[in-house]
Amino acid sequence: MKASHVLSAAAGAGAALAVDRALRSGPGQLVRRGGSTLASPTASAWVTDFLNAAHYAKDPADRDLDDLRLAFTILTTYWHQQGTRTLGAADVVRFHSAFGTARFRGAGGRTGLLDTASLLDGGARLIGGWFPEAAQDRDRRGWGIAFPTAAARAAHDPEVRLARANPGPLTPPRRPVAEQVWHTYPPVEVPDAAATAAAVLDVAHWPDYASELGRFTPLRRRGLDGQTFEIEVVGFPSPRTPVFLRAYVTVTTLVTADDPQLRDAWVEDVRAGFAARPQEQSPIPDGAEVHAGFDLTCHAGHFMGDAKNRLVLYSTDGRSFLRAAGTWDPMRWHLAELYDRVGAYSQHAFWGMSSPQESMLHQIADHVAEVAGP
C-alpha cells in the first residue's frame, strides 16, 4: 500500500467507469447512482482507498467512527474549497502529497493506515492550517464541511450540492395499502427526549451522526420539514472493500407536540397500518407519548424502490426511544435480489438492530448522551 493512492487511481478508474456503465443500463436504472455527488467515477477508487485507510481497512477493534467522519469531512471540505467542482482522478496527487508520508509510516504499526493525528495533519496540509481546529469545532462544522469561521458556515448555501444531485421525482408507495410491505425496526433508547429532538432538528449536523453503513447530508436551505437528504450507503462485497451507493429522500411530513392534532392523526395512521399486519410489531407502543415523527419519502432511483421510512421519537414508562419503520411496494426482481443479499441486513443494522457502529440512530443517542453528560 506504499503508493496506494496513486496506484488505486490508475488501476481503479477503468473499473469504476465499467461499474457506472453497468448501473446505467436495464434494471440498473433504478439503482444507477454510485458513490457521491462530490466525486466522478474516475475518483471512486482513490476515495474508497482513503476511507479504507481511515477506517474500513483497520481491524475492528482499532476502528473509531470519529476517524471515518473526519475522513469524510476532509473530502467534503476539500470539494467545497475547490469551488464545488466534481473531484476526479487527478486529485489523488494532492491527497497523496498530504497523506502519503503518514501512510508509509502507518497507524498502529500497520503501513497504509491513518490515525486521527495523521488525518488532522494531512488535512492541514491539504486544506489549510485552520482545518484541524475547525474540524473539531461543532460551531464551524455543517453539511459535512469544516469552515474557517462561524461566519463562513452561516453564509454557506447547501443547495449548490442539490443542483448537482438532481434527485428526481418523489416515489412513495403506490400500490394499494393491503399489498404494501410494512416493517418496523428495534427501538434505540436515547437518554433525553428533548435533547434528541434538538439533535434531529439540527439538520446541518446530520453528517456528524454517520455510521459505518452510511450518512445523510442535507441539501436544502431549510430545517427538517421539507428537507432533502443525500444518502451515501455502504455495501461490503468483501470485508475491506466498501462500495458506496447514493439515494435521495425528502421529509414529506413532520409532526411535533406543537401541533397535537396533526401529530395524533399521523400516529393513528401508523398504528392502523401495523394493526392490519399482526406479524409486525407497531413502532409506537400503546400509551406512548410521541414527541416527534416524520416521513422520509424516497426519490426515483432509490434502492428500496417506491418506499418511505418513518422515524418516531417517543417516551414510555419513563424511558425515551428513537425508532424507524418502513413501508414499500413489492420490489421488482432486481431490487428484491439486491435487498435479499445485502439490503435487508443493512436496513436493519442502520436503523438500530445490530452494532452501534453501524446504526445512525445509535450515533444520535451517543451524541445526546455526550451533550447531556452524566
Protein backbone atom coordinates (compact mmCIF):
# COMPACT_ATOMS: atom_id res chain seq x y z
CA MET A 1 0.00 0.00 0.00
CA LYS A 2 3.06 2.32 -0.16
CA ALA A 3 1.73 4.00 -3.29
CA SER A 4 -1.86 3.04 -2.83
CA HIS A 5 -3.38 6.45 -3.60
CA VAL A 6 -1.67 6.72 -6.97
CA LEU A 7 -1.98 3.06 -7.93
CA SER A 8 -5.63 2.80 -6.92
CA ALA A 9 -6.49 5.83 -9.04
CA ALA A 10 -4.73 4.39 -12.08
CA ALA A 11 -5.95 0.83 -11.70
CA GLY A 12 -9.42 1.64 -10.46
CA ALA A 13 -10.56 4.27 -12.91
CA GLY A 14 -11.43 1.79 -15.63
CA ALA A 15 -13.29 -0.49 -13.23
CA ALA A 16 -15.22 2.44 -11.82
CA LEU A 17 -16.30 3.51 -15.29
CA ALA A 18 -17.36 -0.04 -16.10
CA VAL A 19 -19.48 -0.23 -12.94
CA ASP A 20 -21.03 3.14 -13.73
CA ARG A 21 -21.96 1.99 -17.26
CA ALA A 22 -23.48 -1.21 -15.87
CA LEU A 23 -25.58 0.68 -13.35
CA ARG A 24 -26.93 2.92 -16.10
CA SER A 25 -28.31 0.06 -18.16
CA GLY A 26 -31.50 -2.01 -17.92
CA PRO A 27 -32.68 -2.70 -14.37
CA GLY A 28 -29.70 -0.73 -13.10
CA GLN A 29 -31.58 2.47 -13.86
CA LEU A 30 -33.38 2.15 -10.52
CA VAL A 31 -30.10 1.86 -8.60
CA ARG A 32 -27.90 3.73 -11.02
CA ARG A 33 -26.35 6.17 -8.59
CA GLY A 34 -22.98 5.11 -7.30
CA GLY A 35 -20.76 6.98 -4.89
CA SER A 36 -21.32 10.65 -4.16
CA THR A 37 -22.11 13.86 -6.00
CA LEU A 38 -18.66 15.03 -4.86
CA ALA A 39 -16.61 12.63 -6.98
CA SER A 40 -16.66 11.30 -10.53
CA PRO A 41 -16.42 7.55 -11.24
CA THR A 42 -12.71 8.05 -12.05
CA ALA A 43 -12.15 9.20 -8.44
CA SER A 44 -14.06 6.37 -6.76
CA ALA A 45 -11.01 4.12 -6.39
CA TRP A 46 -8.79 6.61 -4.55
CA VAL A 47 -11.69 8.00 -2.48
CA THR A 48 -12.52 4.46 -1.34
CA ASP A 49 -8.84 3.81 -0.64
CA PHE A 50 -8.68 6.96 1.51
CA LEU A 51 -11.74 5.91 3.54
CA ASN A 52 -10.27 2.42 3.89
CA ALA A 53 -7.07 3.90 5.33
CA ALA A 54 -9.06 5.94 7.86
CA HIS A 55 -11.45 3.19 8.91
CA TYR A 56 -12.55 0.16 6.91
CA ALA A 57 -9.12 -1.48 6.45
CA LYS A 58 -8.39 -1.35 10.17
CA ASP A 59 -9.00 -4.28 12.48
CA PRO A 60 -12.48 -3.88 14.00
CA ALA A 61 -11.03 -3.31 17.47
CA ASP A 62 -8.95 -0.40 16.16
CA ARG A 63 -11.75 1.40 14.29
CA ASP A 64 -13.04 4.74 15.52
CA LEU A 65 -16.07 6.27 13.81
CA ASP A 66 -14.69 9.73 14.55
CA ASP A 67 -11.83 8.94 12.14
CA LEU A 68 -14.28 7.89 9.43
CA ARG A 69 -16.32 11.06 9.93
CA LEU A 70 -13.12 13.11 9.89
CA ALA A 71 -12.08 11.49 6.60
CA PHE A 72 -15.49 12.36 5.11
CA THR A 73 -15.10 15.92 6.42
CA ILE A 74 -11.71 16.20 4.70
CA LEU A 75 -13.16 15.04 1.40
CA THR A 76 -16.22 17.29 1.60
CA THR A 77 -14.26 20.35 2.78
CA TYR A 78 -11.70 19.89 0.01
CA TRP A 79 -14.52 19.61 -2.54
CA HIS A 80 -16.09 22.80 -1.17
CA GLN A 81 -12.75 24.61 -1.23
CA GLN A 82 -12.24 23.69 -4.88
CA GLY A 83 -15.33 25.62 -5.90
CA THR A 84 -17.53 22.52 -5.63
CA ARG A 85 -16.23 21.03 -8.87
CA THR A 86 -16.51 17.26 -9.12
CA LEU A 87 -13.38 15.53 -7.81
CA GLY A 88 -11.55 13.40 -10.36
CA ALA A 89 -8.61 11.07 -10.77
CA ALA A 90 -6.10 13.95 -10.82
CA ASP A 91 -6.98 14.99 -7.25
CA VAL A 92 -5.27 11.87 -5.96
CA VAL A 93 -1.92 13.64 -6.42
CA ARG A 94 -2.77 16.31 -3.84
CA PHE A 95 -4.15 13.72 -1.41
CA HIS A 96 -1.05 11.58 -1.83
CA SER A 97 1.14 14.61 -1.16
CA ALA A 98 -0.82 15.45 2.00
CA PHE A 99 -1.26 11.94 3.43
CA GLY A 100 1.31 9.73 1.69
CA THR A 101 4.13 10.10 4.22
CA ALA A 102 1.80 9.32 7.13
CA ARG A 103 0.52 6.25 5.29
CA PHE A 104 4.06 5.00 4.69
CA ARG A 105 4.56 5.26 8.45
CA GLY A 106 1.13 3.77 9.17
CA ALA A 107 -1.13 3.79 12.22
CA GLY A 108 -0.70 1.27 14.99
CA GLY A 109 2.32 -0.19 13.25
CA ARG A 110 0.43 -1.04 10.05
CA THR A 111 1.58 0.60 6.86
CA GLY A 112 -1.13 2.31 4.82
CA LEU A 113 -3.45 3.31 7.65
CA LEU A 114 -4.26 6.77 9.00
CA ASP A 115 -4.98 7.64 12.64
CA THR A 116 -6.61 10.80 13.99
CA ALA A 117 -3.38 12.79 14.22
CA SER A 118 -2.38 11.81 10.67
CA LEU A 119 -5.79 12.82 9.33
CA LEU A 120 -5.66 16.19 11.07
CA ASP A 121 -2.06 16.88 9.98
CA GLY A 122 -2.80 15.85 6.41
CA GLY A 123 -5.97 17.93 6.42
CA ALA A 124 -3.91 20.98 7.43
CA ARG A 125 -1.51 20.40 4.54
CA LEU A 126 -4.32 19.78 2.06
CA ILE A 127 -6.85 22.42 3.14
CA GLY A 128 -5.13 24.94 5.42
CA GLY A 129 -3.69 25.39 8.89
CA TRP A 130 -7.11 26.33 10.26
CA PHE A 131 -8.62 22.95 9.40
CA PRO A 132 -7.68 20.78 12.44
CA GLU A 133 -9.29 23.16 14.91
CA ALA A 134 -12.32 23.84 12.73
CA ALA A 135 -12.93 20.13 12.10
CA GLN A 136 -13.27 19.61 15.85
CA ASP A 137 -15.45 22.68 16.44
CA ARG A 138 -19.18 21.95 16.11
CA ASP A 139 -19.89 25.65 15.56
CA ARG A 140 -17.69 25.63 12.43
CA ARG A 141 -18.99 22.35 11.02
CA GLY A 142 -22.11 21.86 8.96
CA TRP A 143 -23.34 19.84 5.99
CA GLY A 144 -20.26 17.64 6.35
CA ILE A 145 -17.95 20.64 5.80
CA ALA A 146 -15.49 22.37 8.14
CA PHE A 147 -15.39 26.15 7.70
CA PRO A 148 -12.59 28.57 8.68
CA THR A 149 -15.06 30.74 10.62
CA ALA A 150 -18.57 30.56 12.01
CA ALA A 151 -19.49 33.40 9.64
CA ALA A 152 -18.38 31.32 6.65
CA ARG A 153 -20.55 28.47 7.89
CA ALA A 154 -23.55 30.78 8.22
CA ALA A 155 -23.04 32.03 4.66
CA HIS A 156 -22.89 28.55 3.13
CA ASP A 157 -25.56 27.60 0.59
CA PRO A 158 -26.19 23.81 0.73
CA GLU A 159 -28.30 23.96 -2.41
CA VAL A 160 -25.12 24.12 -4.50
CA ARG A 161 -24.91 20.39 -3.89
CA LEU A 162 -28.62 19.93 -4.52
CA ALA A 163 -28.23 21.39 -8.02
CA ARG A 164 -25.65 18.71 -8.81
CA ALA A 165 -27.65 15.92 -7.19
CA ASN A 166 -30.76 16.06 -9.39
CA PRO A 167 -32.76 13.79 -7.03
CA GLY A 168 -35.69 13.29 -9.41
CA PRO A 169 -39.37 12.92 -8.51
CA LEU A 170 -40.68 11.50 -5.24
CA THR A 171 -41.62 7.82 -5.38
CA PRO A 172 -43.77 6.95 -2.34
CA PRO A 173 -45.52 3.56 -2.18
CA ARG A 174 -48.19 3.43 -4.91
CA ARG A 175 -49.76 0.01 -4.55
CA PRO A 176 -52.96 -0.49 -2.53
CA VAL A 177 -52.16 -0.41 1.19
CA ALA A 178 -53.03 -4.08 1.59
CA GLU A 179 -50.31 -5.00 -0.93
CA GLN A 180 -47.57 -2.89 0.62
CA VAL A 181 -44.82 -4.19 2.91
CA TRP A 182 -44.81 -2.59 6.37
CA HIS A 183 -41.82 -3.31 8.59
CA THR A 184 -40.50 -1.97 11.87
CA TYR A 185 -37.02 -1.98 13.38
CA PRO A 186 -35.89 -2.29 17.01
CA PRO A 187 -36.14 0.86 19.15
CA VAL A 188 -32.96 2.65 20.16
CA GLU A 189 -33.04 4.13 23.65
CA VAL A 190 -32.00 7.77 23.99
CA PRO A 191 -31.07 9.45 27.27
CA ASP A 192 -33.20 12.58 26.83
CA ALA A 193 -36.18 13.17 24.53
CA ALA A 194 -35.81 16.95 24.31
CA ALA A 195 -32.09 16.77 23.51
CA THR A 196 -32.77 14.08 20.91
CA ALA A 197 -35.43 16.23 19.25
CA ALA A 198 -32.96 19.13 19.14
CA ALA A 199 -30.28 16.90 17.57
CA VAL A 200 -32.65 15.60 14.91
CA LEU A 201 -33.99 19.07 14.07
CA ASP A 202 -30.43 20.41 13.68
CA VAL A 203 -30.17 19.11 10.12
CA ALA A 204 -26.79 20.69 9.29
CA HIS A 205 -25.20 18.24 11.74
CA TRP A 206 -26.75 15.04 10.41
CA PRO A 207 -23.42 14.08 8.75
CA ASP A 208 -21.93 14.06 12.27
CA TYR A 209 -24.10 11.01 13.02
CA ALA A 210 -22.64 8.93 10.19
CA SER A 211 -22.25 5.22 10.90
CA GLU A 212 -20.15 2.55 9.19
CA LEU A 213 -23.08 1.89 6.87
CA GLY A 214 -23.86 5.40 5.72
CA ARG A 215 -24.54 9.06 6.28
CA PHE A 216 -27.23 11.64 5.49
CA THR A 217 -26.29 15.05 4.07
CA PRO A 218 -28.98 17.79 3.91
CA LEU A 219 -29.27 19.65 0.61
CA ARG A 220 -31.78 22.47 1.22
CA ARG A 221 -31.72 25.87 2.92
CA ARG A 222 -34.33 24.93 5.49
CA GLY A 223 -34.92 22.91 8.62
CA LEU A 224 -36.16 19.33 8.84
CA ASP A 225 -39.63 19.96 7.38
CA GLY A 226 -39.31 19.55 3.60
CA GLN A 227 -35.59 18.79 3.83
CA THR A 228 -33.99 16.61 1.13
CA PHE A 229 -31.08 14.35 2.09
CA GLU A 230 -28.45 12.67 0.01
CA ILE A 231 -27.82 9.23 1.49
CA GLU A 232 -24.45 7.57 0.96
CA VAL A 233 -24.90 3.91 1.82
CA VAL A 234 -22.09 1.40 2.19
CA GLY A 235 -22.17 -2.19 0.97
CA PHE A 236 -19.44 -4.74 1.60
CA PRO A 237 -18.81 -7.19 -1.25
CA SER A 238 -15.67 -8.17 0.72
CA PRO A 239 -14.66 -7.25 4.29
CA ARG A 240 -12.37 -4.32 3.37
CA THR A 241 -13.88 -3.14 0.11
CA PRO A 242 -16.79 -0.78 0.81
CA VAL A 243 -18.91 0.10 -2.20
CA PHE A 244 -20.89 3.33 -1.96
CA LEU A 245 -24.36 3.86 -3.39
CA ARG A 246 -26.33 7.05 -3.08
CA ALA A 247 -30.02 7.80 -2.96
CA TYR A 248 -32.31 10.66 -2.00
CA VAL A 249 -35.17 11.09 0.45
CA THR A 250 -37.28 14.10 1.42
CA VAL A 251 -39.14 14.78 4.66
CA THR A 252 -42.70 14.98 3.39
CA THR A 253 -44.46 15.05 6.78
CA LEU A 254 -43.16 16.35 10.11
CA VAL A 255 -45.26 16.22 13.29
CA THR A 256 -44.38 17.52 16.74
CA ALA A 257 -46.05 18.16 20.06
CA ASP A 258 -46.59 21.77 18.94
CA ASP A 259 -49.49 20.57 16.77
CA PRO A 260 -51.16 17.74 18.73
CA GLN A 261 -53.96 17.29 16.20
CA LEU A 262 -51.60 16.70 13.27
CA ARG A 263 -49.33 14.53 15.40
CA ASP A 264 -52.17 12.35 16.64
CA ALA A 265 -53.52 11.86 13.11
CA TRP A 266 -50.07 10.75 11.95
CA VAL A 267 -49.73 8.34 14.89
CA GLU A 268 -53.20 6.90 14.22
CA ASP A 269 -52.29 6.29 10.57
CA VAL A 270 -49.07 4.48 11.51
CA ARG A 271 -50.79 2.35 14.14
CA ALA A 272 -53.64 1.46 11.77
CA GLY A 273 -51.19 0.24 9.13
CA PHE A 274 -49.43 -2.05 11.57
CA ALA A 275 -52.67 -3.21 13.20
CA ALA A 276 -53.54 -4.78 9.84
CA ARG A 277 -50.25 -6.71 9.98
CA PRO A 278 -50.22 -8.64 13.25
CA GLN A 279 -46.94 -10.32 12.29
CA GLU A 280 -45.24 -6.91 12.59
CA GLN A 281 -44.85 -5.01 15.85
CA SER A 282 -46.11 -1.43 15.82
CA PRO A 283 -43.27 1.08 16.15
CA ILE A 284 -45.38 3.16 18.57
CA PRO A 285 -46.42 1.29 21.75
CA ASP A 286 -49.86 1.85 23.20
CA GLY A 287 -49.82 4.67 25.73
CA ALA A 288 -46.55 6.14 24.47
CA GLU A 289 -46.06 9.91 24.39
CA VAL A 290 -44.97 10.88 20.88
CA HIS A 291 -42.67 13.90 20.82
CA ALA A 292 -41.98 13.99 17.08
CA GLY A 293 -42.31 11.91 13.94
CA PHE A 294 -41.64 12.31 10.25
CA ASP A 295 -41.81 10.54 6.89
CA LEU A 296 -38.73 10.15 4.71
CA THR A 297 -40.10 9.60 1.19
CA CYS A 298 -37.81 8.13 -1.46
CA HIS A 299 -36.92 9.73 -4.78
CA ALA A 300 -36.56 7.96 -8.12
CA GLY A 301 -33.55 5.65 -8.22
CA HIS A 302 -33.71 4.69 -4.52
CA PHE A 303 -32.60 1.10 -3.91
CA MET A 304 -35.83 0.43 -1.98
CA GLY A 305 -37.95 1.36 -4.99
CA ASP A 306 -41.28 3.07 -4.21
CA ALA A 307 -40.94 3.49 -0.48
CA LYS A 308 -40.81 5.67 2.60
CA ASN A 309 -39.38 5.34 6.08
CA ARG A 310 -40.79 6.85 9.25
CA LEU A 311 -38.84 7.96 12.30
CA VAL A 312 -40.60 8.47 15.60
CA LEU A 313 -39.37 9.80 18.95
CA TYR A 314 -41.47 8.69 21.91
CA SER A 315 -41.40 8.08 25.66
CA THR A 316 -42.98 5.27 27.63
CA ASP A 317 -42.55 4.02 31.20
CA GLY A 318 -40.06 6.77 31.97
CA ARG A 319 -37.73 5.94 29.07
CA SER A 320 -37.34 7.54 25.62
CA PHE A 321 -36.72 5.87 22.27
CA LEU A 322 -35.98 6.68 18.64
CA ARG A 323 -37.40 4.15 16.18
CA ALA A 324 -37.73 3.60 12.44
CA ALA A 325 -40.40 1.85 10.37
CA GLY A 326 -40.53 1.33 6.62
CA THR A 327 -43.28 0.96 4.03
CA TRP A 328 -42.59 -0.08 0.44
CA ASP A 329 -44.21 -1.61 -2.60
CA PRO A 330 -43.24 -5.17 -3.54
CA MET A 331 -39.89 -4.81 -5.27
CA ARG A 332 -39.12 -5.65 -8.86
CA TRP A 333 -36.93 -8.73 -9.19
CA HIS A 334 -33.56 -6.97 -9.47
CA LEU A 335 -34.21 -4.79 -6.41
CA ALA A 336 -35.61 -7.74 -4.47
CA GLU A 337 -32.46 -9.75 -5.16
CA LEU A 338 -30.23 -6.87 -4.08
CA TYR A 339 -32.34 -6.35 -0.96
CA ASP A 340 -32.23 -10.03 -0.01
CA ARG A 341 -28.47 -10.22 -0.46
CA VAL A 342 -27.34 -7.06 1.32
CA GLY A 343 -30.18 -4.60 1.73
CA ALA A 344 -32.18 -6.32 4.45
CA TYR A 345 -29.24 -6.59 6.82
CA SER A 346 -28.06 -3.06 6.08
CA GLN A 347 -31.53 -1.62 6.66
CA HIS A 348 -31.90 -3.38 10.00
CA ALA A 349 -28.38 -2.52 11.11
CA PHE A 350 -28.56 1.13 10.05
CA TRP A 351 -31.85 1.64 11.86
CA GLY A 352 -30.65 0.02 15.08
CA MET A 353 -30.71 -3.78 15.00
CA SER A 354 -27.04 -4.60 15.29
CA SER A 355 -23.78 -2.90 16.28
CA PRO A 356 -23.96 0.76 17.38
CA GLN A 357 -21.08 1.36 14.94
CA GLU A 358 -23.45 0.54 12.09
CA SER A 359 -26.51 2.46 13.28
CA MET A 360 -27.19 6.16 12.74
CA LEU A 361 -29.83 6.06 15.48
CA HIS A 362 -27.24 4.78 17.96
CA GLN A 363 -24.90 7.57 16.88
CA ILE A 364 -27.61 10.15 17.60
CA ALA A 365 -28.14 8.55 21.01
CA ASP A 366 -24.38 8.68 21.71
CA HIS A 367 -24.28 12.36 20.75
CA VAL A 368 -27.19 13.14 23.07
CA ALA A 369 -25.51 11.25 25.92
CA GLU A 370 -22.33 13.25 25.36
CA VAL A 371 -24.20 16.56 25.34
CA ALA A 372 -26.36 15.67 28.33
CA GLY A 373 -23.39 14.47 30.38
CA PRO A 374 -23.55 12.15 33.40
